[in-house]
Amino acid sequence: MIQLQRADPAGLDRARGIVRSLGSVLVAYSGGVDSTLLLKLALDELPGRSVAVLASSPAYPESEQEEARALASRLGAELVEVNTSEVELEAYAQNHPDRCFHCKEELFDTLEPIRERMGLRHLAYGATADDEGDHRPGHASAVKHGVRFPLLEAGLGKAEIRLAARSLGLSNWNKPSFACLSSRIPHGTPVTVEALRQIERAEASVKGLGFAQVRVRHHGDVARVEVEPEEMEALFNRREAVVEGLKQAGYKFVALDLEGYETGSLNRAWRPTRR
């Protein structure tokens, strides 16, 4: 459940100023609340000098891409679409802890020529201040490529971003967090298109039962389901339907994670223990 207080306009004003200083920008856009807020600020502060780019690959469900396209259209953004091939990279498919670095390398290597061709000064993406406390090797790639991250630079965390998005009337201000499907596969287990499609089917089946924030962690034949703690009882009450859907997706066993949903839970071994 997303609970917000009042928005602090100072952080949003800082982000506006940073975006305005870019002069022109290509925004790496996914349809999530972070990149949508960044795109909205670019459209407001750099009219006619901002473009959104949406990358597609097997690591992202088509349903997410469709929502992103529709939202960009409602915002009046110019949208460029590209395909990325990170899943085909051996360094990515091996699924070591630096997997996200190789993903972002493929992304930014793909987007940089588009930025140059369109005559835009900067490439930006929606990293947030909260990202600094997690295992985020992809951010190292962004720094390497000189990518800008105005929300992080303005010190905006997830809660502030949602407040700002709501204050600006963005319809997805309370959209559940989403990460690529590869993040459901434990490090060391190879990423395959087959596994990604299986995860996509499994999560779609649980979401179809009315659960918004869902992660199906892929442990071979076992699906470990994460939902918000307050939704565990409801999930358990629908356990027969949940099990049926996940077995149809290809899993033999279904488990409920009693700790509940946590973003990046498979990164626990790669970050400090919370106290």
Protein backbone atom coordinates (compact mmCIF):
# COMPACT_ATOMS: atom_id res chain seq x y z
CA MET A 1 0.00 0.00 0.00
CA ILE A 2 1.40 3.40 -1.04
CA GLN A 3 1.04 6.06 1.65
CA LEU A 4 2.15 9.62 0.93
CA GLN A 5 2.28 12.88 2.83
CA ARG A 6 2.51 16.38 1.36
CA ALA A 7 4.77 17.18 -1.55
CA ASP A 8 7.88 19.31 -0.96
CA PRO A 9 8.09 21.70 -3.93
CA ALA A 10 11.78 22.47 -3.33
CA GLY A 11 12.99 19.10 -4.63
CA LEU A 12 10.75 19.29 -7.67
CA ASP A 13 11.97 22.81 -8.38
CA ARG A 14 15.57 21.57 -8.21
CA ALA A 15 14.77 18.82 -10.68
CA ARG A 16 13.09 21.32 -13.00
CA GLY A 17 16.16 23.51 -12.94
CA ILE A 18 18.48 20.61 -13.69
CA VAL A 19 16.31 19.47 -16.60
CA ARG A 20 16.10 23.02 -17.94
CA SER A 21 19.91 23.32 -17.83
CA LEU A 22 20.27 20.32 -20.15
CA GLY A 23 19.13 22.40 -23.12
CA SER A 24 17.76 19.37 -24.97
CA VAL A 25 17.41 15.75 -23.94
CA LEU A 26 16.65 12.19 -24.95
CA VAL A 27 14.83 10.54 -22.03
CA ALA A 28 15.24 6.80 -21.48
CA TYR A 29 11.58 6.06 -20.77
CA SER A 30 9.98 2.88 -19.45
CA GLY A 31 6.50 3.97 -18.38
CA GLY A 32 7.37 3.69 -14.69
CA VAL A 33 6.72 6.60 -12.37
CA ASP A 34 10.38 7.71 -12.24
CA SER A 35 10.98 7.97 -15.98
CA THR A 36 7.48 9.36 -16.53
CA LEU A 37 8.11 12.21 -14.09
CA LEU A 38 11.45 12.89 -15.79
CA LEU A 39 9.75 12.92 -19.19
CA LYS A 40 7.00 15.23 -17.92
CA LEU A 41 9.60 17.70 -16.60
CA ALA A 42 11.47 17.55 -19.91
CA LEU A 43 8.28 18.22 -21.85
CA ASP A 44 7.45 21.17 -19.59
CA GLU A 45 10.91 22.71 -19.38
CA LEU A 46 12.25 21.87 -22.83
CA PRO A 47 9.27 22.01 -25.19
CA GLY A 48 10.23 20.84 -28.66
CA ARG A 49 13.67 19.83 -27.38
CA SER A 50 12.86 16.58 -25.56
CA VAL A 51 12.20 13.10 -26.93
CA ALA A 52 11.32 9.84 -25.18
CA VAL A 53 12.87 6.54 -26.18
CA LEU A 54 11.36 3.19 -25.21
CA ALA A 55 13.55 0.08 -25.37
CA SER A 56 12.02 -3.37 -25.80
CA SER A 57 13.57 -6.79 -25.19
CA PRO A 58 12.48 -10.21 -23.91
CA ALA A 59 13.24 -8.99 -20.38
CA TYR A 60 10.18 -6.70 -20.43
CA PRO A 61 6.55 -7.86 -20.74
CA GLU A 62 4.68 -6.53 -23.75
CA SER A 63 1.88 -5.42 -21.41
CA GLU A 64 4.29 -2.98 -19.76
CA GLN A 65 5.39 -1.65 -23.14
CA GLU A 66 1.80 -1.11 -24.25
CA GLU A 67 1.06 0.90 -21.10
CA ALA A 68 4.19 2.98 -21.65
CA ARG A 69 3.23 3.78 -25.24
CA ALA A 70 -0.28 4.83 -24.24
CA LEU A 71 0.98 7.09 -21.45
CA ALA A 72 3.59 8.76 -23.67
CA SER A 73 0.84 9.47 -26.18
CA ARG A 74 -1.37 11.06 -23.51
CA LEU A 75 1.54 13.26 -22.45
CA GLY A 76 2.04 14.38 -26.03
CA ALA A 77 5.61 13.12 -26.14
CA GLU A 78 7.52 12.22 -29.26
CA LEU A 79 8.35 8.55 -28.77
CA VAL A 80 11.12 6.58 -30.45
CA GLU A 81 11.16 2.81 -30.02
CA VAL A 82 14.20 0.55 -30.19
CA ASN A 83 15.00 -3.10 -29.56
CA THR A 84 17.91 -4.06 -27.35
CA SER A 85 19.72 -7.40 -27.31
CA GLU A 86 21.11 -7.69 -23.81
CA VAL A 87 19.69 -11.22 -23.37
CA GLU A 88 21.92 -12.35 -26.25
CA LEU A 89 25.07 -11.10 -24.50
CA GLU A 90 26.99 -13.86 -22.74
CA ALA A 91 28.02 -11.50 -19.93
CA TYR A 92 24.34 -10.74 -19.30
CA ALA A 93 22.99 -14.26 -19.74
CA GLN A 94 25.53 -15.65 -17.24
CA ASN A 95 23.64 -13.58 -14.64
CA HIS A 96 26.49 -12.58 -12.38
CA PRO A 97 25.93 -9.72 -9.89
CA ASP A 98 27.06 -7.22 -12.57
CA ARG A 99 24.28 -8.27 -14.97
CA CYS A 100 22.63 -4.84 -14.85
CA PHE A 101 25.89 -3.20 -15.88
CA HIS A 102 25.87 -5.15 -19.14
CA CYS A 103 22.18 -4.38 -19.64
CA LYS A 104 22.77 -0.65 -19.32
CA GLU A 105 25.85 -0.88 -21.54
CA GLU A 106 23.67 -2.35 -24.29
CA LEU A 107 20.96 0.25 -23.65
CA PHE A 108 23.20 3.32 -23.67
CA ASP A 109 25.27 2.05 -26.60
CA THR A 110 21.97 1.76 -28.50
CA LEU A 111 20.60 5.14 -27.41
CA GLU A 112 23.69 7.29 -27.89
CA PRO A 113 23.59 7.18 -31.72
CA ILE A 114 19.90 8.13 -31.58
CA ARG A 115 20.71 11.12 -29.38
CA GLU A 116 23.43 12.22 -31.78
CA ARG A 117 21.27 11.73 -34.86
CA MET A 118 18.45 13.81 -33.35
CA GLY A 119 20.82 16.58 -32.30
CA LEU A 120 19.97 16.37 -28.62
CA ARG A 121 22.59 17.47 -26.11
CA HIS A 122 22.05 14.93 -23.34
CA LEU A 123 20.77 11.45 -22.54
CA ALA A 124 18.94 11.14 -19.22
CA TYR A 125 17.29 8.38 -17.23
CA GLY A 126 15.19 8.14 -14.09
CA ALA A 127 17.63 7.05 -11.39
CA THR A 128 16.53 8.15 -7.92
CA ALA A 129 18.20 9.00 -4.64
CA ASP A 130 16.95 5.69 -3.23
CA ASP A 131 18.95 3.77 -5.84
CA GLU A 132 22.19 4.71 -4.12
CA GLY A 133 21.37 2.39 -1.21
CA ASP A 134 20.88 -0.74 -3.33
CA HIS A 135 23.08 -2.93 -5.52
CA ARG A 136 22.87 -0.93 -8.79
CA PRO A 137 25.75 -1.82 -11.14
CA GLY A 138 23.75 -0.36 -14.02
CA HIS A 139 24.29 3.09 -12.58
CA ALA A 140 28.05 2.68 -13.08
CA SER A 141 27.37 2.27 -16.79
CA ALA A 142 25.31 5.47 -16.81
CA VAL A 143 28.16 7.39 -15.18
CA LYS A 144 30.63 5.88 -17.65
CA HIS A 145 28.51 7.08 -20.58
CA GLY A 146 27.96 10.55 -19.17
CA VAL A 147 24.22 9.99 -18.79
CA ARG A 148 22.39 12.51 -16.63
CA PHE A 149 19.96 11.57 -13.85
CA PRO A 150 18.12 14.77 -12.81
CA LEU A 151 15.88 13.15 -10.18
CA LEU A 152 18.83 11.70 -8.31
CA GLU A 153 20.82 14.91 -8.77
CA ALA A 154 17.92 16.80 -7.20
CA GLY A 155 17.91 14.39 -4.25
CA LEU A 156 14.47 12.98 -4.99
CA GLY A 157 13.66 9.57 -3.52
CA LYS A 158 10.77 7.33 -4.49
CA ALA A 159 8.28 8.83 -2.07
CA GLU A 160 9.06 12.39 -3.23
CA ILE A 161 8.82 11.29 -6.85
CA ARG A 162 5.38 9.78 -6.34
CA LEU A 163 4.22 12.93 -4.58
CA ALA A 164 5.54 15.08 -7.40
CA ALA A 165 3.95 12.84 -10.02
CA ARG A 166 0.61 13.05 -8.24
CA SER A 167 0.85 16.83 -7.95
CA LEU A 168 1.46 17.03 -11.71
CA GLY A 169 -1.53 14.82 -12.47
CA LEU A 170 0.43 11.84 -13.78
CA SER A 171 -1.92 8.87 -13.92
CA ASN A 172 0.76 6.36 -12.93
CA TRP A 173 1.90 8.13 -9.75
CA ASN A 174 0.93 5.04 -7.72
CA LYS A 175 1.96 2.41 -10.27
CA PRO A 176 3.63 -0.54 -8.52
CA SER A 177 7.40 -0.67 -8.89
CA PHE A 178 8.62 -2.84 -11.73
CA ALA A 179 12.02 -4.22 -12.65
CA CYS A 180 13.06 -6.31 -15.62
CA LEU A 181 12.05 -9.96 -15.52
CA SER A 182 15.69 -11.04 -15.27
CA SER A 183 15.71 -9.66 -11.72
CA ARG A 184 13.51 -12.63 -10.72
CA ILE A 185 16.32 -15.08 -11.51
CA PRO A 186 18.98 -15.65 -8.79
CA HIS A 187 22.52 -14.64 -9.67
CA GLY A 188 24.41 -17.56 -11.15
CA THR A 189 21.33 -19.08 -12.78
CA PRO A 190 21.48 -18.36 -16.53
CA VAL A 191 18.98 -15.93 -18.01
CA THR A 192 17.14 -17.48 -20.95
CA VAL A 193 14.25 -16.26 -23.05
CA GLU A 194 12.33 -19.38 -22.02
CA ALA A 195 12.70 -18.55 -18.32
CA LEU A 196 11.71 -14.91 -18.90
CA ARG A 197 8.54 -15.93 -20.73
CA GLN A 198 7.72 -18.40 -17.94
CA ILE A 199 8.09 -15.67 -15.32
CA GLU A 200 5.98 -13.31 -17.42
CA ARG A 201 3.15 -15.86 -17.64
CA ALA A 202 3.38 -16.62 -13.93
CA GLU A 203 3.22 -13.00 -12.80
CA ALA A 204 0.39 -12.25 -15.21
CA SER A 205 -1.63 -15.11 -13.71
CA VAL A 206 -1.23 -13.75 -10.15
CA LYS A 207 -1.93 -10.16 -11.20
CA GLY A 208 -5.03 -11.43 -12.97
CA LEU A 209 -6.36 -12.45 -9.56
CA GLY A 210 -6.25 -8.83 -8.41
CA PHE A 211 -2.78 -8.54 -6.86
CA ALA A 212 -0.94 -5.44 -8.05
CA GLN A 213 2.58 -5.77 -6.62
CA VAL A 214 3.81 -9.24 -7.54
CA ARG A 215 7.19 -10.87 -7.95
CA VAL A 216 7.62 -14.50 -8.97
CA ARG A 217 11.20 -15.43 -8.10
CA HIS A 218 12.42 -18.20 -10.39
CA HIS A 219 14.14 -21.11 -8.61
CA GLY A 220 14.09 -23.82 -11.26
CA ASP A 221 10.91 -25.83 -10.74
CA VAL A 222 9.96 -23.65 -7.75
CA ALA A 223 8.12 -20.34 -8.00
CA ARG A 224 8.62 -18.18 -4.89
CA VAL A 225 5.83 -15.61 -4.83
CA GLU A 226 6.21 -12.21 -3.20
CA VAL A 227 3.27 -9.89 -2.57
CA GLU A 228 2.80 -7.04 -0.14
CA PRO A 229 2.57 -8.33 3.49
CA GLU A 230 -0.99 -7.04 3.87
CA GLU A 231 -2.03 -9.10 0.81
CA MET A 232 -0.60 -12.44 1.99
CA GLU A 233 -3.82 -13.59 3.61
CA ALA A 234 -5.78 -12.77 0.46
CA LEU A 235 -3.24 -14.65 -1.64
CA PHE A 236 -3.40 -17.64 0.67
CA ASN A 237 -7.18 -17.60 0.43
CA ARG A 238 -6.81 -17.83 -3.36
CA ARG A 239 -4.05 -20.43 -3.15
CA GLU A 240 -5.76 -22.97 -5.41
CA ALA A 241 -6.10 -20.43 -8.21
CA VAL A 242 -2.56 -19.18 -7.62
CA VAL A 243 -1.12 -22.69 -7.75
CA GLU A 244 -3.10 -23.54 -10.86
CA GLY A 245 -1.88 -20.44 -12.69
CA LEU A 246 1.75 -20.97 -11.78
CA LYS A 247 1.68 -24.65 -12.68
CA GLN A 248 0.17 -23.74 -16.03
CA ALA A 249 3.10 -21.34 -16.43
CA GLY A 250 5.44 -24.33 -16.04
CA TYR A 251 6.36 -24.52 -12.36
CA LYS A 252 6.07 -27.75 -10.37
CA PHE A 253 6.09 -26.19 -6.91
CA VAL A 254 4.72 -22.90 -5.56
CA ALA A 255 5.90 -21.15 -2.38
CA LEU A 256 4.80 -17.94 -0.67
CA ASP A 257 7.63 -15.78 0.67
CA LEU A 258 6.59 -14.95 4.23
CA GLU A 259 8.81 -11.85 4.29
CA GLY A 260 6.65 -10.34 1.59
CA TYR A 261 7.56 -8.20 -1.38
CA GLU A 262 10.89 -6.40 -1.26
CA THR A 263 12.42 -4.63 -4.22
CA GLY A 264 15.67 -6.29 -5.26
CA SER A 265 15.28 -9.10 -2.74
CA LEU A 266 17.65 -11.30 -4.73
CA ASN A 267 20.36 -8.69 -4.13
CA ARG A 268 20.43 -9.39 -0.38
CA ALA A 269 23.76 -11.17 -0.67
CA TRP A 270 25.29 -8.17 -2.46
CA ARG A 271 24.39 -5.32 -0.13
CA PRO A 272 24.75 -4.54 3.58
CA THR A 273 22.26 -6.16 5.94
CA ARG A 274 19.55 -3.77 7.10
CA ARG A 275 19.53 -3.04 10.82
